[in-house]
């Protein structure tokens, strides 16, 4: 039985009780299936039920602690939910294991920026530009920070 698909249908119908019932029924048969668990995370995240998504991500990460993709997903949810400390810790943890994880670096910079730490954000963006000097997203974010100072000379170098 396609428990996750039925759960998704009920989430879309704004019936979280029935969605939860089918998702939990499916877990009885798919309790160790990482893909099923990740499907639940995606479903809850797309439905803006991030607290539930985080619960299932925690289960995945308990079972698969080295799963960088799921760690990054958790960091993104923290970022979107303005849980700055948690996002920073998660992105830093990823970077400590994979220093070249550009997405984690970029989102770390954006988290610093979101929380008002522009110096921290600029430091991270400049770190990205050392390895990817033509990264357009990073150049735009860094240039925007320089514009807000205003340091037009440095901003112009980014654009």
Foldseek 3Di string as FASTA:
>chain_A
DCLLVVLLVCLVVVNNVSSVVSLVVVCVVCVPPLVSLVSVLVSCVVSVVNVVSLVSLVVSCVVVVPPLVSLQVNLVSCQVVLVLVSNLVSLVVSCVVPVPPLVSLQSNLVSCVVVPNNVSNLVSLVVSCVVVVVPLVSLQVNLVSCVVVPDNVSSVVSD
